[in-house]
Amino acid sequence: MSDNIIDKPLFDTMEKIEHFLNGIPQFVRLTGVERCKRLLEYLGNPQDKLKIIHVAGTNGKGSVCSYINGILNFNGYKTGFFTSPHLVDIRERIRICNELVSEEQFIKYFNIVYKVSLELKKEDIDIAYFDYFFAIAMCVYAQEQVDFVVMETGLGGKLDSTNVVAHPVLSVITTISLEHTAILGDTLEKIASEKAGIIKSKTPVVFLDKNKAVTDVFVKKANKENTSYIAITPKDYKIRQNTANYIDFLINNEYYKNDCFVLDTKAVYQVENCTLALTAMAVLQKLKVVELDINECKQAVKQTHWEGRMEEVLTNVYVDGAHNPEGIEAFIASVRGICKDKSCVLLFSVVRDKNFEKMIQALCLSQLFDEFIITQVGGARKLDDKSMKDTFKHYTDKKVTEFENVSQAFSYAMDKKKDILVCAGSLYLTGEIKSIISRKTAE
C-alpha cells in the first residue's frame, strides 16, 4: 500500500460514507474476482495473511457463519465475521468476534479503499457496492490479527468478489435452490456449479447432501481439485424435542456419535444449519487446525442467535428473512410450531425479482394465517402492490390488506394481532421493522 493513499480522509462521518455507498450500483463491469484481485493487490493482499473459512449457498449462509463464529469464539479464538446484507447498520457486515467494527476503523479503511478506487478508475475498473465492504473487512481483519475469518460469499461463488481468496482453510456450502437465475443459471446444477467455485485444491469442503444432481456437482469439483469432501444428509441429525422455547437434537455421523445439542430458537431449519457448522468445525479439529471443547461447542450453539431468522422482536412478534420459495417453506415449517391453535397474522413484502408467486402460493396453501397484510419494500426493486394483492387473491379467500409503507403496515398488524404476528418475504422488511422498533424504544 503506497504512502500517498493514507492521508486526510475525504469522508469523515458514517453518514457521508453511507450516502456515497447508496449511490453505487450493485453490479458493474468485470467480475467480482477480477475487480477485487486488483483492488486487494493495491492494498497489499491482506486476505493472504488470514485463515479463512469460506461459506457459500443459497439459504442459510449467514446462520451457518454465525454458528461457526460462535463455536470459535467460545473456544477462545478471535474471529473476523463477514456477512451480508445488513439489516439496520452497515457495520453489521464487518464484525470482530460478534461486535460491529468501530466507526473509527470503518471510516479509516473506507477512505483508503476509496482512494484506491480512484487509482483503479484510471485502469477503467469500477468498484461495486459489495467490493467496498469486502476490502474494508480484509484490511480490518489483517490489522486486528484475527485467528480466523468466517466469510460469507456475496452472490454465487466462482465469480464472487470473495473468491479472490486463494487458500481458505475450509469451504462450506449450504442449501442450493433456484435464485438469481438470470445471473447464476436456470437449473440447480448450474447454480451449484457457481457455488462450487469456492472449492479449492487441498481445502476440504463440507456441504449439504439433499439433492443428487447438486451433490454430483460438488463431488465432481472436489475430485477435480483433489480435495476431500464431507456430505451432510438429513440422516445425520434428528430432532428429539421441539418445544415453545428450544429445539433439542442429536447428531450422528463420523464426527459425532449421537451427541445432543440444544438451540434456543423456534426455527426448525436451524438444526440443519447448526449440524453443518458443527461438522465443519469437527473437520478442522481432526486436521488439528483448531482445538475445540465439546461442552464449549454446546454452549456456543445454544447461545447463538442470528438476527432476522425467526427472531422474536417483540412478545409474540417474529421476523424472518425468508425471501425465496425454499426459505418460505422452511419459514412455514417453523410457524407451524408456534401457531398451533392460535390466531396468526402475516405481514409480507417481497421485491419483484423474486419468485413471489410461488412464495405467496405456499403461504396461502399453508392455511396458517387469518389475515395477510402486504406492503412495499426494496426501493427500485419493489413489487407493485397490485401484483402482490392479485396474487394473494388468486390463492386465498382470506382478508388481504395493503399499505404504502412498512410503518403503516406494521402499526396495523400490531393492532390486528390477537396471538401471533409473523413478518417475512424480504430482508428489507425485516430491517425496516427492526429499525421501527429501535426508534420507538429510543423515544
Protein backbone atom coordinates (compact mmCIF):
# COMPACT_ATOMS: atom_id res chain seq x y z
CA MET A 1 0.00 0.00 0.00
CA SER A 2 1.63 3.23 -1.12
CA ASP A 3 2.13 6.05 1.42
CA ASN A 4 0.13 8.60 -0.55
CA ILE A 5 -3.04 6.52 -0.14
CA ILE A 6 -3.19 7.23 3.60
CA ASP A 7 -3.70 10.91 4.30
CA LYS A 8 -6.57 13.19 5.32
CA PRO A 9 -9.91 11.35 4.90
CA LEU A 10 -12.30 12.59 2.25
CA PHE A 11 -15.27 11.12 4.13
CA ASP A 12 -15.18 11.85 7.86
CA THR A 13 -18.57 10.55 9.06
CA MET A 14 -20.57 7.35 8.68
CA GLU A 15 -23.47 9.37 7.29
CA LYS A 16 -21.34 10.69 4.41
CA ILE A 17 -19.99 7.22 3.69
CA GLU A 18 -23.42 5.61 3.70
CA HIS A 19 -24.78 8.29 1.38
CA PHE A 20 -21.90 7.64 -1.02
CA LEU A 21 -22.29 3.85 -0.88
CA ASN A 22 -26.02 4.05 -1.51
CA GLY A 23 -25.26 5.77 -4.80
CA ILE A 24 -23.01 2.96 -6.05
CA PRO A 25 -24.53 0.34 -8.38
CA GLN A 26 -24.79 -3.25 -7.18
CA PHE A 27 -23.40 -4.52 -10.48
CA VAL A 28 -20.56 -3.03 -12.54
CA ARG A 29 -18.28 -4.22 -15.33
CA LEU A 30 -15.92 -7.17 -14.85
CA THR A 31 -16.47 -9.96 -12.36
CA GLY A 32 -16.08 -9.53 -8.63
CA VAL A 33 -12.96 -11.69 -8.71
CA GLU A 34 -11.35 -9.55 -11.41
CA ARG A 35 -12.18 -6.28 -9.66
CA CYS A 36 -11.12 -7.38 -6.20
CA LYS A 37 -7.91 -9.02 -7.40
CA ARG A 38 -6.66 -5.59 -8.49
CA LEU A 39 -8.20 -3.81 -5.51
CA LEU A 40 -6.57 -6.10 -2.95
CA GLU A 41 -3.24 -6.01 -4.78
CA TYR A 42 -3.20 -2.24 -4.19
CA LEU A 43 -3.99 -2.89 -0.52
CA GLY A 44 -1.13 -5.36 -0.09
CA ASN A 45 -3.24 -8.54 -0.37
CA PRO A 46 -4.38 -8.59 3.27
CA GLN A 47 -6.51 -11.70 2.59
CA ASP A 48 -3.33 -13.75 2.16
CA LYS A 49 -2.45 -13.13 5.82
CA LEU A 50 -5.72 -14.63 7.07
CA LYS A 51 -7.10 -18.10 7.83
CA ILE A 52 -10.45 -18.01 6.09
CA ILE A 53 -13.49 -20.28 6.37
CA HIS A 54 -15.43 -19.62 3.15
CA VAL A 55 -19.21 -20.23 3.13
CA ALA A 56 -21.46 -20.26 0.03
CA GLY A 57 -25.01 -21.43 -0.72
CA THR A 58 -28.50 -20.10 -1.41
CA ASN A 59 -30.15 -20.21 2.02
CA GLY A 60 -28.59 -20.50 5.47
CA LYS A 61 -25.17 -18.94 4.77
CA GLY A 62 -25.49 -16.29 7.46
CA SER A 63 -26.80 -18.76 10.02
CA VAL A 64 -24.01 -21.27 9.35
CA CYS A 65 -21.44 -18.48 9.59
CA SER A 66 -22.98 -17.34 12.87
CA TYR A 67 -22.78 -20.82 14.39
CA ILE A 68 -19.18 -21.26 13.23
CA ASN A 69 -18.28 -17.85 14.58
CA GLY A 70 -19.87 -18.64 17.94
CA ILE A 71 -18.11 -22.02 18.21
CA LEU A 72 -14.73 -20.40 17.55
CA ASN A 73 -15.39 -17.55 19.99
CA PHE A 74 -16.47 -19.86 22.81
CA ASN A 75 -13.30 -21.87 22.26
CA GLY A 76 -11.12 -18.80 22.69
CA TYR A 77 -10.48 -17.76 19.08
CA LYS A 78 -10.62 -14.18 17.86
CA THR A 79 -12.62 -14.01 14.65
CA GLY A 80 -13.40 -11.74 11.77
CA PHE A 81 -17.08 -12.27 10.93
CA PHE A 82 -18.06 -11.09 7.43
CA THR A 83 -21.69 -11.39 6.26
CA SER A 84 -24.28 -9.64 4.11
CA PRO A 85 -26.64 -7.97 3.78
CA HIS A 86 -27.06 -5.76 6.83
CA LEU A 87 -30.44 -5.17 8.44
CA VAL A 88 -30.06 -1.79 10.17
CA ASP A 89 -26.41 -0.68 10.44
CA ILE A 90 -23.99 -1.14 7.52
CA ARG A 91 -21.27 -2.11 10.02
CA GLU A 92 -23.19 -5.35 10.73
CA ARG A 93 -21.36 -6.77 7.71
CA ILE A 94 -17.94 -6.44 9.36
CA ARG A 95 -17.57 -7.74 12.91
CA ILE A 96 -14.76 -8.69 15.24
CA CYS A 97 -16.00 -11.80 17.05
CA ASN A 98 -19.61 -10.64 17.27
CA GLU A 99 -19.05 -6.91 17.78
CA LEU A 100 -19.54 -4.40 14.97
CA VAL A 101 -16.34 -2.86 13.63
CA SER A 102 -15.84 0.56 15.20
CA GLU A 103 -16.89 3.66 13.28
CA GLU A 104 -13.30 4.88 13.51
CA GLN A 105 -11.95 1.76 11.81
CA PHE A 106 -14.69 1.72 9.20
CA ILE A 107 -14.08 5.37 8.28
CA LYS A 108 -10.31 4.89 8.17
CA TYR A 109 -10.37 1.92 5.82
CA PHE A 110 -13.27 3.17 3.73
CA ASN A 111 -11.18 6.21 2.83
CA ILE A 112 -8.21 4.01 1.97
CA VAL A 113 -10.33 1.81 -0.29
CA TYR A 114 -11.99 4.85 -1.85
CA LYS A 115 -8.62 6.34 -2.79
CA VAL A 116 -7.57 3.03 -4.33
CA SER A 117 -10.81 3.05 -6.32
CA LEU A 118 -9.75 6.37 -7.84
CA GLU A 119 -6.50 4.77 -8.96
CA LEU A 120 -8.37 1.81 -10.42
CA LYS A 121 -10.66 4.17 -12.29
CA LYS A 122 -7.60 5.16 -14.32
CA GLU A 123 -7.40 1.50 -15.38
CA ASP A 124 -11.09 1.61 -16.34
CA ILE A 125 -12.04 -0.57 -13.34
CA ASP A 126 -15.12 0.37 -11.31
CA ILE A 127 -15.64 -0.88 -7.76
CA ALA A 128 -19.09 -2.21 -6.80
CA TYR A 129 -21.01 -1.68 -3.56
CA PHE A 130 -20.13 -5.10 -2.12
CA ASP A 131 -16.43 -4.72 -3.03
CA TYR A 132 -16.04 -1.83 -0.60
CA PHE A 133 -17.22 -3.89 2.35
CA PHE A 134 -15.12 -6.89 1.40
CA ALA A 135 -11.93 -4.85 1.02
CA ILE A 136 -12.53 -2.91 4.24
CA ALA A 137 -13.12 -6.19 6.08
CA MET A 138 -9.89 -7.75 4.82
CA CYS A 139 -7.91 -4.69 5.90
CA VAL A 140 -9.53 -4.56 9.35
CA TYR A 141 -9.08 -8.29 9.99
CA ALA A 142 -5.43 -8.20 8.95
CA GLN A 143 -4.82 -5.20 11.22
CA GLU A 144 -6.63 -6.91 14.11
CA GLN A 145 -4.65 -10.12 13.52
CA VAL A 146 -7.71 -12.29 13.98
CA ASP A 147 -7.23 -16.05 14.34
CA PHE A 148 -9.86 -16.91 11.73
CA VAL A 149 -12.17 -15.14 9.33
CA VAL A 150 -15.67 -16.60 8.90
CA MET A 151 -16.68 -15.31 5.47
CA GLU A 152 -20.00 -15.45 3.66
CA THR A 153 -19.92 -15.09 -0.12
CA GLY A 154 -21.92 -12.38 -1.81
CA LEU A 155 -23.65 -13.57 -4.98
CA GLY A 156 -22.67 -17.00 -6.28
CA GLY A 157 -19.19 -18.29 -5.60
CA LYS A 158 -16.95 -18.79 -8.62
CA LEU A 159 -17.03 -15.17 -9.79
CA ASP A 160 -17.90 -13.60 -6.44
CA SER A 161 -15.62 -10.90 -5.04
CA THR A 162 -14.76 -13.09 -2.03
CA ASN A 163 -13.41 -15.82 -4.30
CA VAL A 164 -10.22 -13.82 -4.69
CA VAL A 165 -9.28 -15.79 -1.55
CA ALA A 166 -6.97 -18.42 -2.97
CA HIS A 167 -6.26 -20.65 0.04
CA PRO A 168 -9.09 -20.88 2.59
CA VAL A 169 -8.68 -23.39 5.41
CA LEU A 170 -12.18 -24.77 4.78
CA SER A 171 -15.04 -24.39 2.29
CA VAL A 172 -18.67 -24.86 3.36
CA ILE A 173 -21.74 -24.96 1.10
CA THR A 174 -25.30 -24.69 2.40
CA THR A 175 -28.57 -25.46 0.61
CA ILE A 176 -28.93 -24.76 -3.11
CA SER A 177 -32.15 -23.52 -4.66
CA LEU A 178 -33.28 -21.53 -7.69
CA GLU A 179 -32.45 -17.87 -7.08
CA HIS A 180 -30.73 -15.15 -9.12
CA THR A 181 -31.30 -17.41 -12.12
CA ALA A 182 -30.54 -14.62 -14.63
CA ILE A 183 -27.01 -14.44 -13.22
CA LEU A 184 -26.25 -17.88 -11.79
CA GLY A 185 -28.18 -20.14 -14.17
CA ASP A 186 -31.68 -21.53 -14.53
CA THR A 187 -31.13 -25.03 -13.12
CA LEU A 188 -29.96 -26.32 -9.75
CA GLU A 189 -26.94 -27.88 -11.42
CA LYS A 190 -25.86 -24.56 -12.97
CA ILE A 191 -26.31 -22.72 -9.68
CA ALA A 192 -24.44 -25.47 -7.82
CA SER A 193 -21.58 -25.15 -10.30
CA GLU A 194 -21.29 -21.43 -9.47
CA LYS A 195 -21.36 -22.11 -5.73
CA ALA A 196 -18.82 -24.93 -6.15
CA GLY A 197 -16.34 -22.32 -7.37
CA ILE A 198 -15.23 -21.81 -3.77
CA ILE A 199 -13.90 -25.40 -3.63
CA LYS A 200 -10.12 -25.16 -3.78
CA SER A 201 -7.19 -27.56 -4.04
CA LYS A 202 -6.10 -29.05 -0.69
CA THR A 203 -9.00 -27.33 1.07
CA PRO A 204 -11.63 -29.72 2.48
CA VAL A 205 -15.26 -28.92 1.70
CA VAL A 206 -18.34 -29.69 3.80
CA PHE A 207 -21.74 -29.46 2.13
CA LEU A 208 -25.39 -30.44 2.49
CA ASP A 209 -26.37 -33.54 0.51
CA LYS A 210 -30.09 -33.06 -0.19
CA ASN A 211 -30.26 -33.31 -3.98
CA LYS A 212 -28.33 -35.89 -6.00
CA ALA A 213 -27.79 -33.62 -9.02
CA VAL A 214 -26.37 -30.88 -6.78
CA THR A 215 -24.24 -33.30 -4.79
CA ASP A 216 -22.80 -34.73 -8.01
CA VAL A 217 -21.64 -31.25 -8.99
CA PHE A 218 -19.85 -30.76 -5.65
CA VAL A 219 -18.24 -34.21 -5.68
CA LYS A 220 -17.01 -33.74 -9.25
CA LYS A 221 -15.48 -30.38 -8.37
CA ALA A 222 -13.85 -31.74 -5.19
CA ASN A 223 -12.36 -34.66 -7.11
CA LYS A 224 -11.09 -32.29 -9.80
CA GLU A 225 -9.39 -30.20 -7.12
CA ASN A 226 -8.05 -33.38 -5.47
CA THR A 227 -9.54 -32.38 -2.13
CA SER A 228 -11.60 -34.21 0.49
CA TYR A 229 -15.32 -33.66 0.95
CA ILE A 230 -17.84 -34.37 3.69
CA ALA A 231 -21.54 -34.59 2.79
CA ILE A 232 -24.19 -33.92 5.46
CA THR A 233 -27.51 -35.69 4.88
CA PRO A 234 -30.83 -35.40 6.78
CA LYS A 235 -29.95 -38.77 8.32
CA ASP A 236 -27.06 -37.13 10.22
CA TYR A 237 -29.37 -35.24 12.58
CA LYS A 238 -32.61 -35.93 14.41
CA ILE A 239 -34.84 -33.56 16.35
CA ARG A 240 -35.54 -35.12 19.71
CA GLN A 241 -37.75 -32.41 21.15
CA ASN A 242 -39.19 -29.17 19.74
CA THR A 243 -40.79 -27.03 22.44
CA ALA A 244 -42.01 -23.46 22.54
CA ASN A 245 -38.62 -22.38 23.90
CA TYR A 246 -35.93 -24.62 22.42
CA ILE A 247 -35.04 -27.41 19.99
CA ASP A 248 -33.17 -30.46 21.29
CA PHE A 249 -31.47 -32.58 18.58
CA LEU A 250 -28.88 -35.30 18.01
CA ILE A 251 -26.01 -35.52 15.52
CA ASN A 252 -24.78 -38.94 14.46
CA ASN A 253 -22.04 -39.10 11.82
CA GLU A 254 -18.34 -39.88 11.66
CA TYR A 255 -17.57 -36.89 13.91
CA TYR A 256 -20.40 -37.10 16.45
CA LYS A 257 -21.95 -40.21 18.00
CA ASN A 258 -25.49 -39.25 18.98
CA ASP A 259 -24.23 -36.11 20.67
CA CYS A 260 -27.05 -33.92 21.93
CA PHE A 261 -27.26 -30.17 21.22
CA VAL A 262 -29.84 -27.57 22.18
CA LEU A 263 -30.81 -24.49 20.16
CA ASP A 264 -32.58 -21.53 21.71
CA THR A 265 -34.74 -20.87 18.65
CA LYS A 266 -38.12 -21.67 17.15
CA ALA A 267 -36.63 -22.01 13.65
CA VAL A 268 -36.52 -25.74 12.91
CA TYR A 269 -34.37 -25.13 9.82
CA GLN A 270 -31.53 -24.05 12.12
CA VAL A 271 -30.96 -27.70 13.12
CA GLU A 272 -29.67 -28.39 9.61
CA ASN A 273 -27.53 -25.23 9.58
CA CYS A 274 -26.12 -25.96 13.02
CA THR A 275 -25.28 -29.56 12.07
CA LEU A 276 -23.38 -28.28 9.05
CA ALA A 277 -21.46 -25.77 11.19
CA LEU A 278 -20.62 -28.26 13.95
CA THR A 279 -19.42 -30.85 11.44
CA ALA A 280 -17.33 -28.25 9.63
CA MET A 281 -15.61 -27.35 12.89
CA ALA A 282 -15.08 -31.03 13.71
CA VAL A 283 -13.32 -31.43 10.36
CA LEU A 284 -10.92 -28.60 11.26
CA GLN A 285 -10.34 -30.17 14.66
CA LYS A 286 -9.49 -33.52 13.08
CA LEU A 287 -6.99 -31.69 10.86
CA LYS A 288 -5.56 -30.02 14.02
CA VAL A 289 -6.36 -26.56 12.66
CA VAL A 290 -8.41 -25.81 15.79
CA GLU A 291 -8.75 -27.24 19.29
CA LEU A 292 -12.34 -27.49 20.46
CA ASP A 293 -14.06 -28.48 23.68
CA ILE A 294 -17.39 -30.24 23.10
CA ASN A 295 -19.03 -28.52 26.08
CA GLU A 296 -17.96 -25.11 24.82
CA CYS A 297 -19.38 -26.01 21.39
CA LYS A 298 -22.71 -26.93 23.01
CA GLN A 299 -22.84 -23.63 24.89
CA ALA A 300 -21.89 -21.74 21.74
CA VAL A 301 -24.70 -23.06 19.56
CA LYS A 302 -27.25 -22.72 22.36
CA GLN A 303 -26.39 -19.06 22.81
CA THR A 304 -26.08 -18.18 19.11
CA HIS A 305 -28.95 -16.08 17.78
CA TRP A 306 -28.80 -14.93 14.16
CA GLU A 307 -30.83 -11.80 13.61
CA GLY A 308 -33.80 -11.94 11.28
CA ARG A 309 -34.27 -15.70 11.40
CA MET A 310 -37.49 -16.44 13.31
CA GLU A 311 -36.35 -13.67 15.63
CA GLU A 312 -38.82 -12.63 18.32
CA VAL A 313 -38.50 -8.84 18.17
CA LEU A 314 -41.46 -8.16 20.49
CA THR A 315 -43.60 -10.54 22.53
CA ASN A 316 -45.17 -12.97 20.03
CA VAL A 317 -43.92 -10.90 17.09
CA TYR A 318 -41.45 -12.68 14.81
CA VAL A 319 -39.42 -11.57 11.79
CA ASP A 320 -37.84 -13.95 9.31
CA GLY A 321 -35.66 -13.06 6.34
CA ALA A 322 -37.12 -15.81 4.11
CA HIS A 323 -37.05 -14.32 0.60
CA ASN A 324 -37.30 -17.22 -1.85
CA PRO A 325 -39.54 -20.31 -2.18
CA GLU A 326 -37.25 -22.66 -0.26
CA GLY A 327 -36.81 -20.09 2.50
CA ILE A 328 -40.58 -19.62 2.71
CA GLU A 329 -41.12 -23.39 3.01
CA ALA A 330 -38.64 -23.51 5.90
CA PHE A 331 -40.36 -20.48 7.45
CA ILE A 332 -43.76 -22.20 7.20
CA ALA A 333 -42.40 -25.31 8.93
CA SER A 334 -41.27 -23.14 11.85
CA VAL A 335 -44.53 -21.16 12.02
CA ARG A 336 -46.50 -24.41 12.34
CA GLY A 337 -44.71 -24.98 15.62
CA ILE A 338 -45.67 -21.63 17.14
CA CYS A 339 -49.17 -21.09 15.70
CA LYS A 340 -50.83 -24.30 16.87
CA ASP A 341 -54.40 -23.47 17.95
CA LYS A 342 -53.56 -19.75 17.84
CA SER A 343 -54.56 -16.82 15.69
CA CYS A 344 -51.71 -15.91 13.35
CA VAL A 345 -51.41 -12.81 11.16
CA LEU A 346 -48.79 -12.44 8.39
CA LEU A 347 -47.11 -9.19 7.33
CA PHE A 348 -45.49 -9.82 3.95
CA SER A 349 -43.45 -7.99 1.36
CA VAL A 350 -41.23 -9.07 -1.50
CA VAL A 351 -39.13 -7.50 -4.23
CA ARG A 352 -40.12 -8.05 -7.85
CA ASP A 353 -37.07 -10.09 -8.93
CA LYS A 354 -38.00 -12.95 -6.58
CA ASN A 355 -40.34 -15.84 -7.39
CA PHE A 356 -43.11 -14.11 -5.47
CA GLU A 357 -45.98 -16.14 -6.94
CA LYS A 358 -44.58 -19.43 -5.66
CA MET A 359 -43.84 -17.84 -2.27
CA ILE A 360 -47.36 -16.43 -1.93
CA GLN A 361 -48.93 -19.69 -3.10
CA ALA A 362 -47.10 -21.64 -0.38
CA LEU A 363 -48.11 -19.14 2.30
CA CYS A 364 -51.77 -19.26 1.30
CA LEU A 365 -51.94 -23.05 0.96
CA SER A 366 -50.37 -23.47 4.41
CA GLN A 367 -53.70 -22.37 5.96
CA LEU A 368 -51.77 -20.91 8.90
CA PHE A 369 -52.81 -17.27 8.64
CA ASP A 370 -56.06 -15.49 9.46
CA GLU A 371 -55.16 -12.33 7.57
CA PHE A 372 -52.47 -11.17 5.16
CA ILE A 373 -51.03 -7.64 5.37
CA ILE A 374 -48.87 -6.50 2.47
CA THR A 375 -46.61 -3.54 1.79
CA GLN A 376 -43.76 -2.48 -0.48
CA VAL A 377 -40.01 -2.59 0.18
CA GLY A 378 -36.80 -2.53 -1.82
CA GLY A 379 -36.78 0.89 -3.47
CA ALA A 380 -36.19 0.44 -7.20
CA ARG A 381 -36.70 -3.33 -6.80
CA LYS A 382 -40.11 -3.04 -5.15
CA LEU A 383 -43.04 -5.10 -6.42
CA ASP A 384 -46.16 -3.06 -7.13
CA ASP A 385 -48.92 -3.63 -4.61
CA LYS A 386 -51.49 -4.62 -7.26
CA SER A 387 -49.40 -7.58 -8.48
CA MET A 388 -48.85 -8.69 -4.90
CA LYS A 389 -52.50 -8.36 -3.88
CA ASP A 390 -53.80 -10.02 -7.06
CA THR A 391 -51.52 -13.00 -6.43
CA PHE A 392 -52.77 -13.39 -2.87
CA LYS A 393 -56.39 -13.10 -4.03
CA HIS A 394 -55.76 -15.86 -6.57
CA TYR A 395 -54.75 -18.32 -3.84
CA THR A 396 -56.81 -17.31 -0.79
CA ASP A 397 -60.22 -16.08 0.30
CA LYS A 398 -58.73 -14.63 3.49
CA LYS A 399 -58.61 -10.87 4.02
CA VAL A 400 -55.68 -9.11 2.30
CA THR A 401 -54.92 -5.55 3.46
CA GLU A 402 -52.38 -3.35 1.69
CA PHE A 403 -50.32 -0.35 2.86
CA GLU A 404 -47.96 2.03 1.10
CA ASN A 405 -45.15 1.69 3.62
CA VAL A 406 -43.84 -0.66 6.28
CA SER A 407 -44.52 1.72 9.17
CA GLN A 408 -48.25 1.89 8.41
CA ALA A 409 -48.42 -1.85 7.72
CA PHE A 410 -46.63 -2.78 10.94
CA SER A 411 -48.81 -0.46 13.05
CA TYR A 412 -51.96 -2.02 11.57
CA ALA A 413 -50.56 -5.53 12.01
CA MET A 414 -49.85 -4.89 15.68
CA ASP A 415 -53.44 -3.73 16.17
CA LYS A 416 -54.77 -6.81 14.38
CA LYS A 417 -52.56 -9.27 16.28
CA LYS A 418 -54.55 -11.43 18.68
CA ASP A 419 -51.95 -14.10 19.41
CA ILE A 420 -49.07 -14.20 16.89
CA LEU A 421 -47.71 -11.82 14.24
CA VAL A 422 -45.09 -13.09 11.81
CA CYS A 423 -43.32 -10.98 9.19
CA ALA A 424 -41.49 -12.44 6.17
CA GLY A 425 -40.73 -12.18 2.46
CA SER A 426 -37.72 -9.89 2.39
CA LEU A 427 -34.69 -8.90 4.44
CA TYR A 428 -35.62 -5.31 3.59
CA LEU A 429 -38.86 -5.85 5.51
CA THR A 430 -37.01 -7.38 8.46
CA GLY A 431 -34.57 -4.47 8.57
CA GLU A 432 -37.30 -1.82 8.41
CA ILE A 433 -39.32 -3.45 11.19
CA LYS A 434 -36.25 -3.71 13.43
CA SER A 435 -35.50 -0.03 12.74
CA ILE A 436 -39.08 0.98 13.62
CA ILE A 437 -38.90 -0.92 16.91
CA SER A 438 -35.47 0.52 17.69
CA ARG A 439 -36.68 4.09 17.12
CA LYS A 440 -39.75 3.57 19.31
CA THR A 441 -37.64 2.04 22.05
CA ALA A 442 -35.31 5.04 21.97
CA GLU A 443 -38.18 7.54 22.32
